[in-house]
C-alpha atoms as a PDB file:
ATOM      1  CA  MET A   1      18.111 -17.148  -8.391  1.00  0.00           C
ATOM      2  CA  SER A   2      15.941 -16.872  -5.282  1.00  0.00           C
ATOM      3  CA  LEU A   3      12.470 -17.587  -4.665  1.00  0.00           C
ATOM      4  CA  ARG A   4      12.410 -14.207  -2.889  1.00  0.00           C
ATOM      5  CA  ASP A   5      14.415 -12.229  -5.509  1.00  0.00           C
ATOM      6  CA  GLN A   6      12.137  -9.523  -7.213  1.00  0.00           C
ATOM      7  CA  ILE A   7      10.511 -10.969 -10.852  1.00  0.00           C
ATOM      8  CA  PRO A   8      11.160  -8.885 -13.902  1.00  0.00           C
ATOM      9  CA  ARG A   9       9.338  -6.662 -14.994  1.00  0.00           C
ATOM     10  CA  TYR A  10       8.082  -7.660 -18.114  1.00  0.00           C
ATOM     11  CA  LEU A  11       6.426 -10.543 -16.510  1.00  0.00           C
ATOM     12  CA  LEU A  12       3.867  -7.992 -15.528  1.00  0.00           C
ATOM     13  CA  ASP A  13       4.150  -5.991 -18.805  1.00  0.00           C
ATOM     14  CA  ARG A  14       0.689  -5.210 -20.156  1.00  0.00           C
ATOM     15  CA  ARG A  15       1.618  -6.756 -23.779  1.00  0.00           C
ATOM     16  CA  GLN A  16       3.082  -9.782 -21.825  1.00  0.00           C
ATOM     17  CA  ILE A  17      -0.087 -10.435 -19.811  1.00  0.00           C
ATOM     18  CA  SER A  18      -2.407 -10.015 -22.815  1.00  0.00           C
ATOM     19  CA  SER A  19      -0.226 -12.287 -25.354  1.00  0.00           C
ATOM     20  CA  THR A  20      -0.410 -15.072 -22.450  1.00  0.00           C
ATOM     21  CA  LEU A  21      -3.999 -14.737 -21.855  1.00  0.00           C
ATOM     22  CA  VAL A  22      -4.485 -15.338 -25.939  1.00  0.00           C
ATOM     23  CA  TYR A  23      -2.253 -17.693 -25.989  1.00  0.00           C
ATOM     24  CA  THR A  24      -3.730 -19.774 -22.492  1.00  0.00           C
ATOM     25  CA  ALA A  25      -7.261 -19.851 -24.395  1.00  0.00           C
ATOM     26  CA  LEU A  26      -5.754 -21.196 -27.736  1.00  0.00           C
ATOM     27  CA  PHE A  27      -3.440 -23.793 -25.828  1.00  0.00           C
ATOM     28  CA  SER A  28      -6.564 -24.952 -23.353  1.00  0.00           C
ATOM     29  CA  LEU A  29      -9.371 -25.318 -25.938  1.00  0.00           C
ATOM     30  CA  VAL A  30      -6.406 -27.436 -28.359  1.00  0.00           C
ATOM     31  CA  PHE A  31      -6.197 -29.429 -25.241  1.00  0.00           C
ATOM     32  CA  LEU A  32      -9.729 -29.619 -24.061  1.00  0.00           C
ATOM     33  CA  LEU A  33     -10.372 -31.360 -27.513  1.00  0.00           C
ATOM     34  CA  LEU A  34      -7.477 -33.611 -27.558  1.00  0.00           C
ATOM     35  CA  SER A  35      -7.934 -35.149 -23.792  1.00  0.00           C
ATOM     36  CA  THR A  36     -11.559 -35.044 -23.116  1.00  0.00           C
ATOM     37  CA  PRO A  37     -12.456 -38.550 -24.695  1.00  0.00           C
ATOM     38  CA  PHE A  38     -10.009 -39.900 -22.051  1.00  0.00           C
ATOM     39  CA  LEU A  39     -11.203 -38.440 -19.143  1.00  0.00           C
ATOM     40  CA  ASP A  40     -13.926 -39.723 -17.540  1.00  0.00           C
ATOM     41  CA  HIS A  41     -15.398 -37.049 -14.923  1.00  0.00           C
ATOM     42  CA  VAL A  42     -14.859 -34.324 -18.198  1.00  0.00           C
ATOM     43  CA  TRP A  43     -18.205 -33.483 -19.386  1.00  0.00           C
ATOM     44  CA  PHE A  44     -17.660 -30.737 -21.915  1.00  0.00           C
ATOM     45  CA  SER A  45     -19.229 -30.952 -24.957  1.00  0.00           C
ATOM     46  CA  LEU A  46     -19.460 -29.127 -28.768  1.00  0.00           C
ATOM     47  CA  ASP A  47     -22.549 -31.104 -29.877  1.00  0.00           C
ATOM     48  CA  PRO A  48     -25.555 -28.671 -29.569  1.00  0.00           C
ATOM     49  CA  GLY A  49     -27.859 -29.453 -26.433  1.00  0.00           C
ATOM     50  CA  ASP A  50     -27.650 -28.433 -22.654  1.00  0.00           C
ATOM     51  CA  SER A  51     -24.039 -29.708 -22.232  1.00  0.00           C
ATOM     52  CA  PHE A  52     -22.757 -27.412 -24.850  1.00  0.00           C
ATOM     53  CA  PHE A  53     -24.166 -24.146 -23.317  1.00  0.00           C
ATOM     54  CA  PHE A  54     -23.132 -25.374 -19.836  1.00  0.00           C
ATOM     55  CA  THR A  55     -19.475 -25.888 -21.266  1.00  0.00           C
ATOM     56  CA  VAL A  56     -19.739 -22.293 -23.198  1.00  0.00           C
ATOM     57  CA  ALA A  57     -20.844 -21.235 -19.289  1.00  0.00           C
ATOM     58  CA  PHE A  58     -18.004 -22.415 -18.062  1.00  0.00           C
ATOM     59  CA  VAL A  59     -15.546 -21.500 -20.263  1.00  0.00           C
ATOM     60  CA  VAL A  60     -16.338 -18.087 -20.553  1.00  0.00           C
ATOM     61  CA  LEU A  61     -16.239 -17.754 -16.342  1.00  0.00           C
ATOM     62  CA  ALA A  62     -13.347 -19.083 -16.537  1.00  0.00           C
ATOM     63  CA  ALA A  63     -11.839 -17.154 -18.708  1.00  0.00           C
ATOM     64  CA  ALA A  64     -13.341 -14.339 -17.109  1.00  0.00           C
ATOM     65  CA  LEU A  65     -11.734 -15.383 -13.683  1.00  0.00           C
ATOM     66  CA  VAL A  66      -7.876 -15.678 -15.264  1.00  0.00           C
ATOM     67  CA  ALA A  67      -8.296 -12.543 -17.194  1.00  0.00           C
ATOM     68  CA  PHE A  68      -9.578 -10.563 -14.066  1.00  0.00           C
ATOM     69  CA  SER A  69      -6.681 -12.235 -11.903  1.00  0.00           C
ATOM     70  CA  ARG A  70      -4.246 -11.254 -14.862  1.00  0.00           C
ATOM     71  CA  LEU A  71      -5.212  -7.693 -14.891  1.00  0.00           C
ATOM     72  CA  LEU A  72      -5.289  -7.797 -11.121  1.00  0.00           C
ATOM     73  CA  MET A  73      -1.718  -9.061 -11.015  1.00  0.00           C
ATOM     74  CA  GLY A  74      -0.768  -6.036 -13.594  1.00  0.00           C
ATOM     75  CA  ARG A  75      -2.414  -2.866 -11.583  1.00  0.00           C
ATOM     76  CA  CYS A  76      -0.854  -4.584  -8.333  1.00  0.00           C
ATOM     77  CA  ARG A  77       2.899  -4.295  -9.883  1.00  0.00           C
ATOM     78  CA  THR A  78       2.940  -0.420  -8.946  1.00  0.00           C
ATOM     79  CA  LEU A  79       1.925  -0.871  -5.491  1.00  0.00           C
ATOM     80  CA  THR A  80       3.763  -3.743  -4.354  1.00  0.00           C
ATOM     81  CA  ASN A  81       7.183  -5.711  -5.374  1.00  0.00           C
ATOM     82  CA  PHE A  82       6.276  -9.184  -6.937  1.00  0.00           C
ATOM     83  CA  THR A  83       8.957 -12.012  -5.932  1.00  0.00           C
ATOM     84  CA  TYR A  84       9.224 -15.278  -7.778  1.00  0.00           C
ATOM     85  CA  LEU A  85       7.664 -16.973  -4.753  1.00  0.00           C
ATOM     86  CA  GLY A  86       4.378 -14.060  -4.777  1.00  0.00           C
ATOM     87  CA  TYR A  87       3.950 -14.935  -8.650  1.00  0.00           C
ATOM     88  CA  ILE A  88       3.845 -18.783  -8.346  1.00  0.00           C
ATOM     89  CA  ALA A  89       1.476 -18.539  -5.239  1.00  0.00           C
ATOM     90  CA  TRP A  90      -0.572 -16.225  -7.553  1.00  0.00           C
ATOM     91  CA  VAL A  91      -0.711 -18.445 -10.217  1.00  0.00           C
ATOM     92  CA  VAL A  92      -1.638 -21.586  -7.718  1.00  0.00           C
ATOM     93  CA  VAL A  93      -4.488 -19.402  -6.456  1.00  0.00           C
ATOM     94  CA  GLU A  94      -5.734 -19.253  -9.863  1.00  0.00           C
ATOM     95  CA  VAL A  95      -5.444 -23.070 -10.414  1.00  0.00           C
ATOM     96  CA  VAL A  96      -7.138 -23.509  -7.434  1.00  0.00           C
ATOM     97  CA  ALA A  97     -10.004 -21.155  -8.173  1.00  0.00           C
ATOM     98  CA  VAL A  98     -10.786 -22.205 -11.465  1.00  0.00           C
ATOM     99  CA  SER A  99     -10.827 -25.717 -10.392  1.00  0.00           C
ATOM    100  CA  LEU A 100     -13.263 -24.987  -7.582  1.00  0.00           C
ATOM    101  CA  LEU A 101     -15.494 -23.337 -10.264  1.00  0.00           C
ATOM    102  CA  TYR A 102     -14.940 -26.544 -12.368  1.00  0.00           C
ATOM    103  CA  THR A 103     -16.078 -28.742  -9.749  1.00  0.00           C
ATOM    104  CA  PHE A 104     -19.031 -26.473  -9.007  1.00  0.00           C
ATOM    105  CA  PHE A 105     -20.242 -26.664 -12.381  1.00  0.00           C
ATOM    106  CA  THR A 106     -19.741 -30.597 -12.331  1.00  0.00           C
ATOM    107  CA  VAL A 107     -21.765 -31.076  -9.437  1.00  0.00           C
ATOM    108  CA  GLU A 108     -24.596 -28.699 -10.288  1.00  0.00           C
ATOM    109  CA  GLY A 109     -24.933 -29.448 -13.634  1.00  0.00           C
ATOM    110  CA  GLY A 110     -25.202 -33.348 -12.694  1.00  0.00           C
ATOM    111  CA  ARG A 111     -27.622 -31.971  -9.778  1.00  0.00           C
ATOM    112  CA  LEU A 112     -29.712 -30.677 -12.398  1.00  0.00           C
ATOM    113  CA  GLY A 113     -29.713 -33.160 -14.810  1.00  0.00           C
ATOM    114  CA  LEU A 114     -27.861 -30.760 -17.736  1.00  0.00           C
ATOM    115  CA  ILE A 115     -24.842 -32.989 -18.259  1.00  0.00           C
ATOM    116  CA  GLU A 116     -23.785 -36.597 -17.449  1.00  0.00           C
ATOM    117  CA  THR A 117     -21.398 -37.622 -14.721  1.00  0.00           C
ATOM    118  CA  VAL A 118     -19.823 -40.668 -13.377  1.00  0.00           C
ATOM    119  CA  PRO A 119     -20.615 -41.302  -9.437  1.00  0.00           C
ATOM    120  CA  ILE A 120     -17.663 -40.187  -7.920  1.00  0.00           C
ATOM    121  CA  ASP A 121     -17.395 -37.840  -5.061  1.00  0.00           C
ATOM    122  CA  HIS A 122     -16.695 -34.051  -4.971  1.00  0.00           C
ATOM    123  CA  LEU A 123     -12.798 -34.394  -3.905  1.00  0.00           C
ATOM    124  CA  GLN A 124     -12.155 -36.968  -6.438  1.00  0.00           C
ATOM    125  CA  ILE A 125     -13.567 -34.281  -8.826  1.00  0.00           C
ATOM    126  CA  PHE A 126     -11.729 -31.217  -7.228  1.00  0.00           C
ATOM    127  CA  SER A 127      -8.311 -33.277  -6.920  1.00  0.00           C
ATOM    128  CA  GLY A 128      -8.454 -34.773 -10.830  1.00  0.00           C
ATOM    129  CA  THR A 129      -9.127 -31.170 -12.303  1.00  0.00           C
ATOM    130  CA  LEU A 130      -6.384 -29.683 -10.449  1.00  0.00           C
ATOM    131  CA  VAL A 131      -3.805 -31.344 -12.843  1.00  0.00           C
ATOM    132  CA  TYR A 132      -6.072 -30.607 -15.738  1.00  0.00           C
ATOM    133  CA  VAL A 133      -5.986 -26.848 -14.999  1.00  0.00           C
ATOM    134  CA  ALA A 134      -2.281 -26.864 -14.219  1.00  0.00           C
ATOM    135  CA  VAL A 135      -1.497 -27.956 -17.814  1.00  0.00           C
ATOM    136  CA  CYS A 136      -4.256 -25.602 -19.226  1.00  0.00           C
ATOM    137  CA  LEU A 137      -2.673 -22.315 -17.441  1.00  0.00           C
ATOM    138  CA  GLY A 138       1.122 -23.564 -16.031  1.00  0.00           C
ATOM    139  CA  VAL A 139       2.451 -24.902 -19.844  1.00  0.00           C
ATOM    140  CA  PRO A 140       0.989 -20.908 -21.547  1.00  0.00           C
ATOM    141  CA  PHE A 141       2.435 -19.030 -18.613  1.00  0.00           C
ATOM    142  CA  ALA A 142       5.686 -20.983 -18.484  1.00  0.00           C
ATOM    143  CA  VAL A 143       6.448 -21.065 -22.670  1.00  0.00           C
ATOM    144  CA  CYS A 144       5.141 -17.070 -22.623  1.00  0.00           C
ATOM    145  CA  SER A 145       7.433 -16.062 -19.937  1.00  0.00           C
ATOM    146  CA  LEU A 146      10.490 -17.786 -21.361  1.00  0.00           C
ATOM    147  CA  HIS A 147       9.934 -16.498 -24.527  1.00  0.00           C
ATOM    148  CA  SER A 148       9.693 -12.761 -22.817  1.00  0.00           C
ATOM    149  CA  ALA A 149      12.799 -13.841 -21.535  1.00  0.00           C
ATOM    150  CA  LEU A 150      14.492 -14.565 -24.604  1.00  0.00           C
ATOM    151  CA  GLN A 151      13.286 -11.269 -26.243  1.00  0.00           C
ATOM    152  CA  ASP A 152      14.553  -9.383 -22.948  1.00  0.00           C
ATOM    153  CA  LYS A 153      18.122 -10.840 -23.104  1.00  0.00           C
ATOM    154  CA  ASP A 154      18.128  -9.958 -27.118  1.00  0.00           C
ATOM    155  CA  ASN A 155      16.977  -6.485 -26.177  1.00  0.00           C
ATOM    156  CA  THR A 156      20.023  -6.291 -24.050  1.00  0.00           C
ATOM    157  CA  ILE A 157      22.542  -7.412 -26.625  1.00  0.00           C
ATOM    158  CA  ARG A 158      21.008  -5.137 -29.373  1.00  0.00           C
ATOM    159  CA  LEU A 159      21.513  -2.210 -26.833  1.00  0.00           C
ATOM    160  CA  MET A 160      25.280  -3.359 -25.944  1.00  0.00           C
ATOM    161  CA  ASN A 161      26.299  -2.048 -29.356  1.00  0.00           C
ATOM    162  CA  TYR A 162      29.769  -0.022 -28.803  1.00  0.00           C
ATOM    163  CA  GLY A 163      31.336   0.364 -32.217  1.00  0.00           C
ATOM    164  CA  ASN A 164      34.036  -2.324 -33.309  1.00  0.00           C
ATOM    165  CA  VAL A 165      37.228  -2.133 -31.443  1.00  0.00           C
ATOM    166  CA  VAL A 166      40.815  -3.530 -32.020  1.00  0.00           C
ATOM    167  CA  SER A 167      42.399  -3.763 -28.609  1.00  0.00           C
ATOM    168  CA  ASP A 168      44.920  -6.122 -26.788  1.00  0.00           C
ATOM    169  CA  LYS A 169      42.165  -6.431 -24.330  1.00  0.00           C
ATOM    170  CA  PRO A 170      38.457  -6.479 -23.884  1.00  0.00           C
ATOM    171  CA  ALA A 171      36.825  -3.024 -24.825  1.00  0.00           C
ATOM    172  CA  ALA A 172      35.019  -1.635 -21.768  1.00  0.00           C
ATOM    173  CA  PRO A 173      31.222  -0.195 -22.432  1.00  0.00           C
ATOM    174  CA  TYR A 174      32.467   3.492 -21.108  1.00  0.00           C
ATOM    175  CA  ALA A 175      35.323   3.089 -24.143  1.00  0.00           C
ATOM    176  CA  ASP A 176      32.530   4.171 -26.809  1.00  0.00           C
ATOM    177  CA  LYS A 177      31.744   7.941 -26.235  1.00  0.00           C
ATOM    178  CA  ARG A 178      28.205   7.136 -27.807  1.00  0.00           C
ATOM    179  CA  ILE A 179      25.203   5.641 -26.205  1.00  0.00           C
ATOM    180  CA  THR A 180      22.913   3.800 -28.793  1.00  0.00           C
ATOM    181  CA  LEU A 181      19.374   2.549 -27.471  1.00  0.00           C
ATOM    182  CA  PHE A 182      16.942   0.401 -29.078  1.00  0.00           C
ATOM    183  CA  ASP A 183      13.184  -0.055 -28.648  1.00  0.00           C
ATOM    184  CA  ASN A 184      11.738  -3.413 -27.320  1.00  0.00           C
ATOM    185  CA  ASN A 185      11.759  -4.979 -31.315  1.00  0.00           C
ATOM    186  CA  GLY A 186      15.115  -4.401 -31.564  1.00  0.00           C
ATOM    187  CA  VAL A 187      14.883  -1.494 -33.715  1.00  0.00           C
ATOM    188  CA  LEU A 188      17.906   1.336 -33.418  1.00  0.00           C
ATOM    189  CA  LYS A 189      15.859   4.527 -32.178  1.00  0.00           C
ATOM    190  CA  PHE A 190      18.266   6.504 -30.609  1.00  0.00           C
ATOM    191  CA  SER A 191      21.881   7.248 -30.401  1.00  0.00           C
ATOM    192  CA  ILE A 192      24.182  10.464 -29.007  1.00  0.00           C
ATOM    193  CA  SER A 193      27.529  11.042 -27.632  1.00  0.00           C
ATOM    194  CA  SER A 194      27.407  10.191 -23.776  1.00  0.00           C
ATOM    195  CA  ASP A 195      29.008  13.859 -23.263  1.00  0.00           C
ATOM    196  CA  ASN A 196      25.159  14.985 -24.042  1.00  0.00           C
ATOM    197  CA  LEU A 197      23.119  12.815 -22.424  1.00  0.00           C
ATOM    198  CA  TYR A 198      22.130  13.797 -18.481  1.00  0.00           C
ATOM    199  CA  PHE A 199      19.501  11.149 -17.486  1.00  0.00           C
ATOM    200  CA  ILE A 200      17.093   8.473 -18.511  1.00  0.00           C
ATOM    201  CA  GLU A 201      13.775   8.658 -16.948  1.00  0.00           C
ATOM    202  CA  SER A 202      11.225   5.323 -16.603  1.00  0.00           C
ATOM    203  CA  ASP A 203       7.731   6.084 -17.898  1.00  0.00           C
ATOM    204  CA  ASP A 204       5.521   2.959 -17.530  1.00  0.00           C
ATOM    205  CA  ASN A 205       6.740   0.944 -20.450  1.00  0.00           C
ATOM    206  CA  TYR A 206       8.946   3.539 -22.065  1.00  0.00           C
ATOM    207  CA  ILE A 207      11.741   5.598 -21.103  1.00  0.00           C
ATOM    208  CA  LYS A 208      12.521   9.191 -21.468  1.00  0.00           C
ATOM    209  CA  VAL A 209      15.934  10.096 -22.519  1.00  0.00           C
ATOM    210  CA  TRP A 210      16.994  13.964 -21.429  1.00  0.00           C
ATOM    211  CA  TYR A 211      20.025  14.991 -23.805  1.00  0.00           C
ATOM    212  CA  MET A 212      21.352  18.417 -24.846  1.00  0.00           C
ATOM    213  CA  ASP A 213      21.230  18.947 -28.873  1.00  0.00           C
ATOM    214  CA  SER A 214      23.517  20.828 -31.134  1.00  0.00           C
ATOM    215  CA  ALA A 215      22.000  24.015 -30.426  1.00  0.00           C
ATOM    216  CA  GLY A 216      22.777  23.584 -26.677  1.00  0.00           C
ATOM    217  CA  GLU A 217      19.216  23.249 -25.738  1.00  0.00           C
ATOM    218  CA  ILE A 218      17.509  20.346 -23.450  1.00  0.00           C
ATOM    219  CA  LYS A 219      15.228  17.983 -25.122  1.00  0.00           C
ATOM    220  CA  GLN A 220      13.910  14.778 -24.427  1.00  0.00           C
ATOM    221  CA  TYR A 221      13.136  11.682 -26.176  1.00  0.00           C
ATOM    222  CA  MET A 222      10.846   8.759 -25.439  1.00  0.00           C
ATOM    223  CA  LEU A 223      11.017   5.372 -26.944  1.00  0.00           C
ATOM    224  CA  ARG A 224       9.730   1.843 -25.765  1.00  0.00           C
ATOM    225  CA  CYS A 225      12.102   0.217 -23.695  1.00  0.00           C
ATOM    226  CA  ARG A 226      12.497  -0.831 -19.958  1.00  0.00           C
ATOM    227  CA  LEU A 227      14.615   1.062 -17.712  1.00  0.00           C
ATOM    228  CA  LYS A 228      16.295  -2.186 -16.695  1.00  0.00           C
ATOM    229  CA  THR A 229      17.466  -3.296 -19.854  1.00  0.00           C
ATOM    230  CA  VAL A 230      19.691   0.387 -19.930  1.00  0.00           C
ATOM    231  CA  GLU A 231      20.635  -0.574 -16.809  1.00  0.00           C
ATOM    232  CA  ASP A 232      21.985  -4.070 -17.718  1.00  0.00           C
ATOM    233  CA  SER A 233      23.477  -3.059 -20.672  1.00  0.00           C
ATOM    234  CA  PHE A 234      25.434  -0.215 -19.724  1.00  0.00           C
ATOM    235  CA  ALA A 235      27.039  -1.393 -16.197  1.00  0.00           C
ATOM    236  CA  ASP A 236      30.305  -0.263 -15.446  1.00  0.00           C
ATOM    237  CA  SER A 237      29.748   2.983 -17.775  1.00  0.00           C
ATOM    238  CA  GLU A 238      29.066   6.741 -16.906  1.00  0.00           C
ATOM    239  CA  LEU A 239      25.086   5.460 -16.321  1.00  0.00           C
ATOM    240  CA  VAL A 240      24.128   4.876 -13.121  1.00  0.00           C
ATOM    241  CA  ARG A 241      21.041   3.949 -11.308  1.00  0.00           C
ATOM    242  CA  CYS A 242      20.060   6.494  -8.694  1.00  0.00           C
ATOM    243  CA  HIS A 243      16.117   5.645  -8.162  1.00  0.00           C
ATOM    244  CA  ARG A 244      13.448   3.122  -9.443  1.00  0.00           C
ATOM    245  CA  LYS A 245      13.072   5.695 -12.034  1.00  0.00           C
ATOM    246  CA  TYR A 246      16.021   7.042 -12.723  1.00  0.00           C
ATOM    247  CA  ILE A 247      19.247   6.456 -14.615  1.00  0.00           C
ATOM    248  CA  VAL A 248      21.866   9.530 -14.682  1.00  0.00           C
ATOM    249  CA  ASN A 249      25.383  10.368 -16.431  1.00  0.00           C
ATOM    250  CA  ILE A 250      27.521  10.395 -13.586  1.00  0.00           C
ATOM    251  CA  ARG A 251      29.873  12.390 -15.403  1.00  0.00           C
ATOM    252  CA  ASN A 252      27.121  15.493 -15.932  1.00  0.00           C
ATOM    253  CA  ILE A 253      26.281  15.435 -12.584  1.00  0.00           C
ATOM    254  CA  SER A 254      27.170  19.043 -11.404  1.00  0.00           C
ATOM    255  CA  ILE A 255      25.972  19.170  -7.287  1.00  0.00           C
ATOM    256  CA  LEU A 256      24.696  16.296  -4.724  1.00  0.00           C
ATOM    257  CA  LYS A 257      22.732  18.239  -2.443  1.00  0.00           C
ATOM    258  CA  SER A 258      22.076  16.524   1.092  1.00  0.00           C
ATOM    259  CA  GLU A 259      18.073  17.428   1.507  1.00  0.00           C
ATOM    260  CA  LYS A 260      16.274  16.243   4.756  1.00  0.00           C
ATOM    261  CA  GLU A 261      14.193  13.221   2.652  1.00  0.00           C
ATOM    262  CA  GLY A 262      17.741  12.290   1.126  1.00  0.00           C
ATOM    263  CA  TYR A 263      20.292  13.127  -1.813  1.00  0.00           C
ATOM    264  CA  GLU A 264      19.268  14.850  -4.668  1.00  0.00           C
ATOM    265  CA  ILE A 265      21.601  15.465  -8.185  1.00  0.00           C
ATOM    266  CA  ASP A 266      21.962  19.148  -9.564  1.00  0.00           C
ATOM    267  CA  PHE A 267      22.689  19.075 -13.132  1.00  0.00           C
ATOM    268  CA  ASP A 268      22.952  23.056 -12.774  1.00  0.00           C
ATOM    269  CA  ILE A 269      20.880  23.613 -15.835  1.00  0.00           C
ATOM    270  CA  ASP A 270      17.506  25.613 -15.272  1.00  0.00           C
ATOM    271  CA  SER A 271      15.185  23.440 -17.377  1.00  0.00           C
ATOM    272  CA  LEU A 272      16.164  20.437 -15.440  1.00  0.00           C
ATOM    273  CA  GLU A 273      14.850  19.669 -12.162  1.00  0.00           C
ATOM    274  CA  PRO A 274      16.773  17.729  -9.126  1.00  0.00           C
ATOM    275  CA  ILE A 275      16.653  14.297  -9.522  1.00  0.00           C
ATOM    276  CA  PRO A 276      16.517  12.195  -6.044  1.00  0.00           C
ATOM    277  CA  ILE A 277      18.482   9.507  -5.006  1.00  0.00           C
ATOM    278  CA  SER A 278      16.688   6.706  -3.120  1.00  0.00           C
ATOM    279  CA  LYS A 279      18.241   4.558  -0.331  1.00  0.00           C
ATOM    280  CA  THR A 280      18.507   1.811  -2.157  1.00  0.00           C
ATOM    281  CA  TYR A 281      21.610   3.288  -4.716  1.00  0.00           C
ATOM    282  CA  GLU A 282      22.753   6.086  -2.479  1.00  0.00           C
ATOM    283  CA  GLN A 283      26.194   4.765  -1.219  1.00  0.00           C
ATOM    284  CA  ALA A 284      26.708   3.558  -5.071  1.00  0.00           C
ATOM    285  CA  VAL A 285      26.259   6.889  -6.428  1.00  0.00           C
ATOM    286  CA  LEU A 286      28.212   8.750  -3.726  1.00  0.00           C
ATOM    287  CA  ALA A 287      31.087   6.354  -4.664  1.00  0.00           C
ATOM    288  CA  ARG A 288      30.763   7.003  -8.237  1.00  0.00           C
ATOM    289  CA  PHE A 289      30.632  10.593  -8.106  1.00  0.00           C
ATOM    290  CA  ASN A 290      33.538  11.098  -5.532  1.00  0.00           C
ATOM    291  CA  ALA A 291      35.693   8.473  -7.913  1.00  0.00           C
ATOM    292  CA  ARG A 292      34.864  10.363 -11.164  1.00  0.00           C
END
């Protein structure tokens, strides 16, 4: 893994961001209550008075700052590809911003006589706060990211359900003619013969499965699942990634058309629009199509 690699999409998922914010708030509160008596420059107070309202004001502003930052990150995921380096840099900026906010509150609160502070300079306050805030934000982010990674791996394993095969060698994923799809909670939602599946389309946190039913009609089924999970689970099968939004069944492709913008996939079915092939996946799709 390189710092310039793109981070998994689940780190920018709305549910992941929401759960991280909630866990960060709870962890910070507990850490605050336990560590305050042992830190000289911490002025937080839960006793009624000026210090209490000053504490509430800081906590609310700091929480709003982090929440806005996380929501902005979630919005930016559709505009740019986040790398691990970019993600770490974003978190570092959050830590610095909250530390600067605390330093400002400490200096102004002491000047106005609202809080009791020890006589240390601004740089000492800021540097000491950096470590404190890094723990309050870094630990919850790391724990939530690890939990999401384990959940994503579990979903991938659940998707790799090819039945019980007795053989003298490991069974390849495409040996089973059925495609089974689970949602993000690991619940089996969809099972179909691979011959009847045409393509899978990404729709934010959901996927749309386009298939032919027993009556010969094209239908679509939507479930909450990541396209990347399907791609990883059915690697080396007839399901091939051709675009950031699409996975196609290579066996059901009728024609590959060369257009000005690039190649397009045509299933020769009136109700199915052509599927674009992006430059990233073009050579792989062409090779698989010619080798089928």
